[in-house]
Amino acid sequence: MKTRILAAVVLALLAATACSPHYPAGPHGKVTDRDRYFRRADGWHYELTVHGREFRVTRADYRRCVRGSTYPACTHR
């Protein structure tokens, strides 16, 4: 019985982390540009530009962070 519960917990954790990718944080500062593009092989990619540096973010962070907002503060609601 304990192994079933443990297996269910492990599967739930794997499902939760697989659905929300984690990318390395970008530099702190104002968002100067946003970009999104579609690649047939792996879907949508979302990027923000801060201090001339482009970095990948999740779709939720892309939607929250408009030009002129302060990164990473714009990612928290």
PDB file of N, CA and C in Angstrom:
ATOM      1  N   MET A   1       0.821  -1.196   0.000  1.00  0.00           N
ATOM      2  CA  MET A   1       0.000   0.000   0.000  1.00  0.00           C
ATOM      3  C   MET A   1       0.864   1.259   0.000  1.00  0.00           C
ATOM      4  N   LYS A   2       1.939   1.247   0.816  1.00  0.00           N
ATOM      5  CA  LYS A   2       2.824   2.412   0.876  1.00  0.00           C
ATOM      6  C   LYS A   2       3.526   2.649  -0.455  1.00  0.00           C
ATOM      7  N   THR A   3       3.862   1.559  -1.149  1.00  0.00           N
ATOM      8  CA  THR A   3       4.541   1.735  -2.438  1.00  0.00           C
ATOM      9  C   THR A   3       3.606   2.350  -3.473  1.00  0.00           C
ATOM     10  N   ARG A   4       2.326   2.045  -3.403  1.00  0.00           N
ATOM     11  CA  ARG A   4       1.360   2.655  -4.329  1.00  0.00           C
ATOM     12  C   ARG A   4       1.227   4.147  -4.068  1.00  0.00           C
ATOM     13  N   ILE A   5       1.190   4.508  -2.799  1.00  0.00           N
ATOM     14  CA  ILE A   5       1.094   5.931  -2.446  1.00  0.00           C
ATOM     15  C   ILE A   5       2.358   6.651  -2.885  1.00  0.00           C
ATOM     16  N   LEU A   6       3.507   6.053  -2.623  1.00  0.00           N
ATOM     17  CA  LEU A   6       4.772   6.652  -3.037  1.00  0.00           C
ATOM     18  C   LEU A   6       4.840   6.791  -4.554  1.00  0.00           C
ATOM     19  N   ALA A   7       4.411   5.773  -5.272  1.00  0.00           N
ATOM     20  CA  ALA A   7       4.411   5.835  -6.729  1.00  0.00           C
ATOM     21  C   ALA A   7       3.478   6.932  -7.232  1.00  0.00           C
ATOM     22  N   ALA A   8       2.333   7.083  -6.609  1.00  0.00           N
ATOM     23  CA  ALA A   8       1.386   8.127  -7.012  1.00  0.00           C
ATOM     24  C   ALA A   8       1.973   9.510  -6.770  1.00  0.00           C
ATOM     25  N   VAL A   9       2.665   9.686  -5.651  1.00  0.00           N
ATOM     26  CA  VAL A   9       3.288  10.980  -5.343  1.00  0.00           C
ATOM     27  C   VAL A   9       4.394  11.284  -6.355  1.00  0.00           C
ATOM     28  N   VAL A  10       5.214  10.302  -6.664  1.00  0.00           N
ATOM     29  CA  VAL A  10       6.298  10.501  -7.625  1.00  0.00           C
ATOM     30  C   VAL A  10       5.734  10.846  -9.005  1.00  0.00           C
ATOM     31  N   LEU A  11       4.704  10.153  -9.430  1.00  0.00           N
ATOM     32  CA  LEU A  11       4.091  10.450 -10.730  1.00  0.00           C
ATOM     33  C   LEU A  11       3.477  11.842 -10.758  1.00  0.00           C
ATOM     34  N   ALA A  12       2.864  12.240  -9.661  1.00  0.00           N
ATOM     35  CA  ALA A  12       2.277  13.579  -9.593  1.00  0.00           C
ATOM     36  C   ALA A  12       3.359  14.648  -9.680  1.00  0.00           C
ATOM     37  N   LEU A  13       4.477  14.439  -9.004  1.00  0.00           N
ATOM     38  CA  LEU A  13       5.577  15.401  -9.067  1.00  0.00           C
ATOM     39  C   LEU A  13       6.185  15.461 -10.460  1.00  0.00           C
ATOM     40  N   LEU A  14       6.349  14.326 -11.092  1.00  0.00           N
ATOM     41  CA  LEU A  14       6.876  14.312 -12.452  1.00  0.00           C
ATOM     42  C   LEU A  14       5.942  15.014 -13.427  1.00  0.00           C
ATOM     43  N   ALA A  15       4.668  14.790 -13.279  1.00  0.00           N
ATOM     44  CA  ALA A  15       3.693  15.443 -14.160  1.00  0.00           C
ATOM     45  C   ALA A  15       3.696  16.947 -13.947  1.00  0.00           C
ATOM     46  N   ALA A  16       3.815  17.386 -12.707  1.00  0.00           N
ATOM     47  CA  ALA A  16       3.807  18.825 -12.416  1.00  0.00           C
ATOM     48  C   ALA A  16       5.043  19.507 -12.976  1.00  0.00           C
ATOM     49  N   THR A  17       6.192  18.877 -12.861  1.00  0.00           N
ATOM     50  CA  THR A  17       7.412  19.500 -13.378  1.00  0.00           C
ATOM     51  C   THR A  17       7.515  19.397 -14.882  1.00  0.00           C
ATOM     52  N   ALA A  18       6.944  18.375 -15.469  1.00  0.00           N
ATOM     53  CA  ALA A  18       7.006  18.229 -16.922  1.00  0.00           C
ATOM     54  C   ALA A  18       6.126  19.247 -17.627  1.00  0.00           C
ATOM     55  N   CYS A  19       5.063  19.665 -17.002  1.00  0.00           N
ATOM     56  CA  CYS A  19       4.132  20.601 -17.621  1.00  0.00           C
ATOM     57  C   CYS A  19       4.588  22.046 -17.517  1.00  0.00           C
ATOM     58  N   SER A  20       5.472  22.353 -16.594  1.00  0.00           N
ATOM     59  CA  SER A  20       5.929  23.725 -16.441  1.00  0.00           C
ATOM     60  C   SER A  20       7.455  23.767 -16.534  1.00  0.00           C
ATOM     61  N   PRO A  21       7.981  24.049 -17.727  1.00  0.00           N
ATOM     62  CA  PRO A  21       9.439  24.065 -17.891  1.00  0.00           C
ATOM     63  C   PRO A  21      10.063  25.183 -17.082  1.00  0.00           C
ATOM     64  N   HIS A  22      11.267  24.954 -16.652  1.00  0.00           N
ATOM     65  CA  HIS A  22      11.994  25.961 -15.890  1.00  0.00           C
ATOM     66  C   HIS A  22      13.227  26.356 -16.689  1.00  0.00           C
ATOM     67  N   TYR A  23      13.359  27.633 -16.953  1.00  0.00           N
ATOM     68  CA  TYR A  23      14.505  28.136 -17.697  1.00  0.00           C
ATOM     69  C   TYR A  23      15.356  28.981 -16.757  1.00  0.00           C
ATOM     70  N   PRO A  24      16.659  29.102 -17.028  1.00  0.00           N
ATOM     71  CA  PRO A  24      17.510  29.945 -16.181  1.00  0.00           C
ATOM     72  C   PRO A  24      17.003  31.383 -16.197  1.00  0.00           C
ATOM     73  N   ALA A  25      17.095  32.048 -15.063  1.00  0.00           N
ATOM     74  CA  ALA A  25      16.626  33.435 -14.957  1.00  0.00           C
ATOM     75  C   ALA A  25      17.508  34.362 -15.784  1.00  0.00           C
ATOM     76  N   GLY A  26      16.894  35.376 -16.325  1.00  0.00           N
ATOM     77  CA  GLY A  26      17.629  36.379 -17.079  1.00  0.00           C
ATOM     78  C   GLY A  26      18.112  37.482 -16.161  1.00  0.00           C
ATOM     79  N   PRO A  27      18.755  38.508 -16.718  1.00  0.00           N
ATOM     80  CA  PRO A  27      19.258  39.614 -15.908  1.00  0.00           C
ATOM     81  C   PRO A  27      18.116  40.492 -15.386  1.00  0.00           C
ATOM     82  N   HIS A  28      18.345  41.155 -14.287  1.00  0.00           N
ATOM     83  CA  HIS A  28      17.359  42.081 -13.742  1.00  0.00           C
ATOM     84  C   HIS A  28      17.379  43.365 -14.566  1.00  0.00           C
ATOM     85  N   GLY A  29      16.198  43.928 -14.808  1.00  0.00           N
ATOM     86  CA  GLY A  29      16.123  45.188 -15.532  1.00  0.00           C
ATOM     87  C   GLY A  29      14.825  45.325 -16.297  1.00  0.00           C
ATOM     88  N   LYS A  30      14.767  46.356 -17.150  1.00  0.00           N
ATOM     89  CA  LYS A  30      13.561  46.619 -17.935  1.00  0.00           C
ATOM     90  C   LYS A  30      13.529  45.755 -19.185  1.00  0.00           C
ATOM     91  N   VAL A  31      12.336  45.258 -19.477  1.00  0.00           N
ATOM     92  CA  VAL A  31      12.128  44.462 -20.683  1.00  0.00           C
ATOM     93  C   VAL A  31      12.090  45.423 -21.863  1.00  0.00           C
ATOM     94  N   THR A  32      13.017  45.232 -22.815  1.00  0.00           N
ATOM     95  CA  THR A  32      13.083  46.120 -23.976  1.00  0.00           C
ATOM     96  C   THR A  32      12.481  45.495 -25.224  1.00  0.00           C
ATOM     97  N   ASP A  33      12.361  44.168 -25.243  1.00  0.00           N
ATOM     98  CA  ASP A  33      11.779  43.512 -26.413  1.00  0.00           C
ATOM     99  C   ASP A  33      11.241  42.144 -26.014  1.00  0.00           C
ATOM    100  N   ARG A  34      10.295  41.670 -26.803  1.00  0.00           N
ATOM    101  CA  ARG A  34       9.702  40.343 -26.606  1.00  0.00           C
ATOM    102  C   ARG A  34       9.649  39.668 -27.956  1.00  0.00           C
ATOM    103  N   ASP A  35       9.806  38.358 -27.948  1.00  0.00           N
ATOM    104  CA  ASP A  35       9.754  37.625 -29.200  1.00  0.00           C
ATOM    105  C   ASP A  35       9.165  36.246 -28.939  1.00  0.00           C
ATOM    106  N   ARG A  36       8.398  35.776 -29.907  1.00  0.00           N
ATOM    107  CA  ARG A  36       7.900  34.410 -29.843  1.00  0.00           C
ATOM    108  C   ARG A  36       7.949  33.850 -31.249  1.00  0.00           C
ATOM    109  N   TYR A  37       8.225  32.558 -31.326  1.00  0.00           N
ATOM    110  CA  TYR A  37       8.286  31.909 -32.628  1.00  0.00           C
ATOM    111  C   TYR A  37       7.916  30.442 -32.472  1.00  0.00           C
ATOM    112  N   PHE A  38       7.493  29.876 -33.575  1.00  0.00           N
ATOM    113  CA  PHE A  38       7.045  28.488 -33.582  1.00  0.00           C
ATOM    114  C   PHE A  38       8.030  27.642 -34.362  1.00  0.00           C
ATOM    115  N   ARG A  39       8.448  26.542 -33.746  1.00  0.00           N
ATOM    116  CA  ARG A  39       9.288  25.575 -34.434  1.00  0.00           C
ATOM    117  C   ARG A  39       8.502  24.284 -34.544  1.00  0.00           C
ATOM    118  N   ARG A  40       8.415  23.786 -35.744  1.00  0.00           N
ATOM    119  CA  ARG A  40       7.617  22.584 -35.990  1.00  0.00           C
ATOM    120  C   ARG A  40       8.056  21.429 -35.096  1.00  0.00           C
ATOM    121  N   ALA A  41       9.329  21.322 -34.815  1.00  0.00           N
ATOM    122  CA  ALA A  41       9.860  20.199 -34.031  1.00  0.00           C
ATOM    123  C   ALA A  41       9.414  20.220 -32.571  1.00  0.00           C
ATOM    124  N   ASP A  42       9.333  21.421 -31.974  1.00  0.00           N
ATOM    125  CA  ASP A  42       9.033  21.452 -30.539  1.00  0.00           C
ATOM    126  C   ASP A  42       8.110  22.576 -30.088  1.00  0.00           C
ATOM    127  N   GLY A  43       7.389  23.195 -30.987  1.00  0.00           N
ATOM    128  CA  GLY A  43       6.343  24.144 -30.600  1.00  0.00           C
ATOM    129  C   GLY A  43       6.812  25.568 -30.383  1.00  0.00           C
ATOM    130  N   TRP A  44       6.062  26.286 -29.560  1.00  0.00           N
ATOM    131  CA  TRP A  44       6.290  27.714 -29.326  1.00  0.00           C
ATOM    132  C   TRP A  44       7.471  27.947 -28.394  1.00  0.00           C
ATOM    133  N   HIS A  45       8.229  28.999 -28.705  1.00  0.00           N
ATOM    134  CA  HIS A  45       9.347  29.456 -27.876  1.00  0.00           C
ATOM    135  C   HIS A  45       9.084  30.924 -27.553  1.00  0.00           C
ATOM    136  N   TYR A  46       9.275  31.303 -26.306  1.00  0.00           N
ATOM    137  CA  TYR A  46       9.021  32.667 -25.861  1.00  0.00           C
ATOM    138  C   TYR A  46      10.312  33.245 -25.300  1.00  0.00           C
ATOM    139  N   GLU A  47      10.649  34.477 -25.720  1.00  0.00           N
ATOM    140  CA  GLU A  47      11.877  35.121 -25.281  1.00  0.00           C
ATOM    141  C   GLU A  47      11.621  36.561 -24.872  1.00  0.00           C
ATOM    142  N   LEU A  48      12.387  37.011 -23.890  1.00  0.00           N
ATOM    143  CA  LEU A  48      12.400  38.408 -23.476  1.00  0.00           C
ATOM    144  C   LEU A  48      13.809  38.947 -23.688  1.00  0.00           C
ATOM    145  N   THR A  49      13.917  40.271 -23.871  1.00  0.00           N
ATOM    146  CA  THR A  49      15.225  40.909 -23.977  1.00  0.00           C
ATOM    147  C   THR A  49      15.350  41.939 -22.866  1.00  0.00           C
ATOM    148  N   VAL A  50      16.416  41.806 -22.071  1.00  0.00           N
ATOM    149  CA  VAL A  50      16.731  42.745 -20.989  1.00  0.00           C
ATOM    150  C   VAL A  50      18.216  43.058 -21.104  1.00  0.00           C
ATOM    151  N   HIS A  51      18.571  44.341 -21.132  1.00  0.00           N
ATOM    152  CA  HIS A  51      19.967  44.782 -21.271  1.00  0.00           C
ATOM    153  C   HIS A  51      20.634  44.151 -22.493  1.00  0.00           C
ATOM    154  N   GLY A  52      19.890  44.017 -23.591  1.00  0.00           N
ATOM    155  CA  GLY A  52      20.436  43.474 -24.817  1.00  0.00           C
ATOM    156  C   GLY A  52      20.637  41.966 -24.816  1.00  0.00           C
ATOM    157  N   ARG A  53      20.226  41.320 -23.766  1.00  0.00           N
ATOM    158  CA  ARG A  53      20.397  39.862 -23.660  1.00  0.00           C
ATOM    159  C   ARG A  53      19.054  39.170 -23.823  1.00  0.00           C
ATOM    160  N   GLU A  54      18.955  38.264 -24.794  1.00  0.00           N
ATOM    161  CA  GLU A  54      17.734  37.489 -24.999  1.00  0.00           C
ATOM    162  C   GLU A  54      17.801  36.217 -24.171  1.00  0.00           C
ATOM    163  N   PHE A  55      16.685  35.859 -23.568  1.00  0.00           N
ATOM    164  CA  PHE A  55      16.625  34.621 -22.805  1.00  0.00           C
ATOM    165  C   PHE A  55      15.221  34.061 -22.892  1.00  0.00           C
ATOM    166  N   ARG A  56      15.138  32.757 -22.773  1.00  0.00           N
ATOM    167  CA  ARG A  56      13.874  32.047 -22.931  1.00  0.00           C
ATOM    168  C   ARG A  56      13.096  32.062 -21.623  1.00  0.00           C
ATOM    169  N   VAL A  57      11.764  32.212 -21.742  1.00  0.00           N
ATOM    170  CA  VAL A  57      10.875  32.207 -20.583  1.00  0.00           C
ATOM    171  C   VAL A  57       9.662  31.336 -20.887  1.00  0.00           C
ATOM    172  N   THR A  58       8.887  31.075 -19.868  1.00  0.00           N
ATOM    173  CA  THR A  58       7.653  30.318 -20.054  1.00  0.00           C
ATOM    174  C   THR A  58       6.603  31.206 -20.718  1.00  0.00           C
ATOM    175  N   ARG A  59       5.559  30.597 -21.233  1.00  0.00           N
ATOM    176  CA  ARG A  59       4.478  31.359 -21.853  1.00  0.00           C
ATOM    177  C   ARG A  59       3.818  32.292 -20.843  1.00  0.00           C
ATOM    178  N   ALA A  60       3.645  31.830 -19.608  1.00  0.00           N
ATOM    179  CA  ALA A  60       3.020  32.659 -18.575  1.00  0.00           C
ATOM    180  C   ALA A  60       3.868  33.902 -18.288  1.00  0.00           C
ATOM    181  N   ASP A  61       5.189  33.736 -18.183  1.00  0.00           N
ATOM    182  CA  ASP A  61       6.066  34.891 -17.946  1.00  0.00           C
ATOM    183  C   ASP A  61       6.066  35.822 -19.149  1.00  0.00           C
ATOM    184  N   TYR A  62       6.015  35.274 -20.352  1.00  0.00           N
ATOM    185  CA  TYR A  62       5.955  36.092 -21.560  1.00  0.00           C
ATOM    186  C   TYR A  62       4.701  36.959 -21.558  1.00  0.00           C
ATOM    187  N   ARG A  63       3.589  36.380 -21.164  1.00  0.00           N
ATOM    188  CA  ARG A  63       2.332  37.135 -21.137  1.00  0.00           C
ATOM    189  C   ARG A  63       2.343  38.220 -20.068  1.00  0.00           C
ATOM    190  N   ARG A  64       2.977  37.959 -18.944  1.00  0.00           N
ATOM    191  CA  ARG A  64       2.991  38.932 -17.839  1.00  0.00           C
ATOM    192  C   ARG A  64       3.960  40.085 -18.071  1.00  0.00           C
ATOM    193  N   CYS A  65       5.044  39.841 -18.786  1.00  0.00           N
ATOM    194  CA  CYS A  65       6.116  40.830 -18.928  1.00  0.00           C
ATOM    195  C   CYS A  65       6.003  41.568 -20.262  1.00  0.00           C
ATOM    196  N   VAL A  66       5.438  42.754 -20.217  1.00  0.00           N
ATOM    197  CA  VAL A  66       5.311  43.582 -21.421  1.00  0.00           C
ATOM    198  C   VAL A  66       6.530  44.500 -21.507  1.00  0.00           C
ATOM    199  N   ARG A  67       6.715  45.133 -22.670  1.00  0.00           N
ATOM    200  CA  ARG A  67       7.826  46.081 -22.817  1.00  0.00           C
ATOM    201  C   ARG A  67       7.699  47.178 -21.770  1.00  0.00           C
ATOM    202  N   GLY A  68       8.826  47.487 -21.140  1.00  0.00           N
ATOM    203  CA  GLY A  68       8.846  48.528 -20.115  1.00  0.00           C
ATOM    204  C   GLY A  68       8.672  48.013 -18.703  1.00  0.00           C
ATOM    205  N   SER A  69       8.237  46.777 -18.549  1.00  0.00           N
ATOM    206  CA  SER A  69       8.083  46.226 -17.197  1.00  0.00           C
ATOM    207  C   SER A  69       9.444  45.783 -16.666  1.00  0.00           C
ATOM    208  N   THR A  70       9.535  45.608 -15.375  1.00  0.00           N
ATOM    209  CA  THR A  70      10.796  45.238 -14.736  1.00  0.00           C
ATOM    210  C   THR A  70      10.852  43.732 -14.527  1.00  0.00           C
ATOM    211  N   TYR A  71      11.897  43.121 -15.076  1.00  0.00           N
ATOM    212  CA  TYR A  71      12.112  41.686 -14.918  1.00  0.00           C
ATOM    213  C   TYR A  71      13.029  41.469 -13.729  1.00  0.00           C
ATOM    214  N   PRO A  72      12.823  40.548 -12.855  1.00  0.00           N
ATOM    215  CA  PRO A  72      11.855  39.470 -12.814  1.00  0.00           C
ATOM    216  C   PRO A  72      10.580  39.802 -12.053  1.00  0.00           C
ATOM    217  N   ALA A  73      10.428  41.045 -11.595  1.00  0.00           N
ATOM    218  CA  ALA A  73       9.238  41.411 -10.822  1.00  0.00           C
ATOM    219  C   ALA A  73       7.949  41.152 -11.614  1.00  0.00           C
ATOM    220  N   CYS A  74       7.995  41.319 -12.920  1.00  0.00           N
ATOM    221  CA  CYS A  74       6.787  41.142 -13.742  1.00  0.00           C
ATOM    222  C   CYS A  74       6.334  39.683 -13.785  1.00  0.00           C
ATOM    223  N   THR A  75       7.187  38.752 -13.408  1.00  0.00           N
ATOM    224  CA  THR A  75       6.811  37.339 -13.466  1.00  0.00           C
ATOM    225  C   THR A  75       5.964  36.907 -12.279  1.00  0.00           C
ATOM    226  N   HIS A  76       5.899  37.727 -11.242  1.00  0.00           N
ATOM    227  CA  HIS A  76       5.151  37.380 -10.026  1.00  0.00           C
ATOM    228  C   HIS A  76       3.836  38.144  -9.973  1.00  0.00           C
ATOM    229  N   ARG A  77       2.772  37.433  -9.681  1.00  0.00           N
ATOM    230  CA  ARG A  77       1.474  38.091  -9.513  1.00  0.00           C
ATOM    231  C   ARG A  77       0.865  37.676  -8.220  1.00  0.00           C
TER     232      ARG A  77
END
